[in-house]
Amino acid sequence: MQIVRMAYDAPGKDAERKAHFEAHRAHLRSGLARIVQSGPLFATDGSGRKAGALVVFEADDVSEVVRFTAQDPYIVNGVYDRIEILRWDKTIG
């Protein structure tokens, strides 16, 4: 099944984001989860403000994504204000 993680940036966490970027990136590329796609999300108001990130996983069970997410350095260090983990039924693509 495909699982989507939408993470929304916490305001005022630029220093934390920068400090933990390499560890976050390494975690995403660690092979501990099957990631189909991932990337940052940006505001559409013309500001160019980073708003969060989207990760699409292939998983046998949502618990795999929950465990992987709990270990993400951005989660551990409060870079995200909130996250949503949702099952996704892809219909096009």
Protein backbone atom coordinates (compact mmCIF):
# COMPACT_ATOMS: atom_id res chain seq x y z
CA MET A 1 0.00 0.00 0.00
CA GLN A 2 1.06 3.58 -0.42
CA ILE A 3 1.29 5.87 2.58
CA VAL A 4 1.75 9.64 2.42
CA ARG A 5 3.44 11.68 5.13
CA MET A 6 2.66 15.38 5.02
CA ALA A 7 4.81 17.41 7.38
CA TYR A 8 4.21 21.08 8.09
CA ASP A 9 7.09 23.33 9.14
CA ALA A 10 7.09 24.81 12.62
CA PRO A 11 7.57 28.59 12.62
CA GLY A 12 10.92 29.86 13.83
CA LYS A 13 12.78 26.56 13.41
CA ASP A 14 15.19 27.60 10.65
CA ALA A 15 18.28 27.00 12.83
CA GLU A 16 17.07 23.52 13.79
CA ARG A 17 16.26 22.72 10.16
CA LYS A 18 19.74 23.74 9.05
CA ALA A 19 21.46 21.92 11.93
CA HIS A 20 19.66 18.62 11.24
CA PHE A 21 19.34 18.74 7.45
CA GLU A 22 22.14 16.27 6.66
CA ALA A 23 20.93 13.78 9.28
CA HIS A 24 17.34 14.11 8.00
CA ARG A 25 18.49 13.54 4.43
CA ALA A 26 20.57 10.53 5.45
CA HIS A 27 17.58 9.08 7.29
CA LEU A 28 15.37 9.43 4.21
CA ARG A 29 18.04 7.67 2.13
CA SER A 30 18.85 5.00 4.73
CA GLY A 31 16.78 2.23 3.15
CA LEU A 32 14.87 1.72 6.41
CA ALA A 33 11.68 2.55 4.51
CA ARG A 34 10.64 2.21 0.89
CA ILE A 35 10.30 5.80 -0.26
CA VAL A 36 8.72 6.30 -3.68
CA GLN A 37 9.02 10.10 -3.80
CA SER A 38 9.81 12.95 -1.44
CA GLY A 39 10.39 16.67 -1.53
CA PRO A 40 9.67 20.05 0.02
CA LEU A 41 6.38 21.91 -0.21
CA PHE A 42 6.25 25.68 -0.80
CA ALA A 43 3.61 28.34 -0.23
CA THR A 44 1.72 29.44 -3.33
CA ASP A 45 1.42 33.08 -2.28
CA GLY A 46 4.54 34.12 -4.20
CA SER A 47 6.68 34.34 -1.06
CA GLY A 48 8.70 31.20 -1.83
CA ARG A 49 8.29 30.24 1.84
CA LYS A 50 8.98 26.57 2.55
CA ALA A 51 5.81 25.15 4.06
CA GLY A 52 6.77 21.54 4.76
CA ALA A 53 7.47 18.28 2.99
CA LEU A 54 5.71 15.36 1.34
CA VAL A 55 6.97 11.78 1.39
CA VAL A 56 5.26 8.89 -0.41
CA PHE A 57 6.06 5.44 0.98
CA GLU A 58 5.37 1.92 -0.21
CA ALA A 59 4.66 -0.11 2.94
CA ASP A 60 3.04 -3.35 4.04
CA ASP A 61 1.55 -1.60 7.06
CA VAL A 62 1.20 2.00 8.26
CA SER A 63 3.14 1.08 11.42
CA GLU A 64 6.33 0.88 9.30
CA VAL A 65 5.92 4.53 8.33
CA VAL A 66 5.04 5.57 11.88
CA ARG A 67 8.23 3.92 13.23
CA PHE A 68 10.39 5.42 10.47
CA THR A 69 8.88 8.86 11.04
CA ALA A 70 9.48 8.71 14.80
CA GLN A 71 13.22 8.31 14.09
CA ASP A 72 13.47 11.17 11.59
CA PRO A 73 15.85 13.86 12.96
CA TYR A 74 13.42 16.57 11.85
CA ILE A 75 10.68 14.97 13.95
CA VAL A 76 12.96 14.29 16.91
CA ASN A 77 14.20 17.90 16.91
CA GLY A 78 10.88 19.68 16.41
CA VAL A 79 11.44 21.04 12.89
CA TYR A 80 7.86 20.13 11.96
CA ASP A 81 4.85 21.68 13.66
CA ARG A 82 2.65 18.73 12.77
CA ILE A 83 2.57 15.69 10.56
CA GLU A 84 -0.15 13.64 8.96
CA ILE A 85 0.29 10.02 7.91
CA LEU A 86 -2.39 8.91 5.48
CA ARG A 87 -3.11 5.88 3.31
CA TRP A 88 -3.18 6.90 -0.34
CA ASP A 89 -5.04 5.10 -3.12
CA LYS A 90 -3.28 6.26 -6.27
CA THR A 91 -5.71 6.39 -9.20
CA ILE A 92 -3.59 8.10 -11.88
CA GLY A 93 0.11 7.63 -12.58
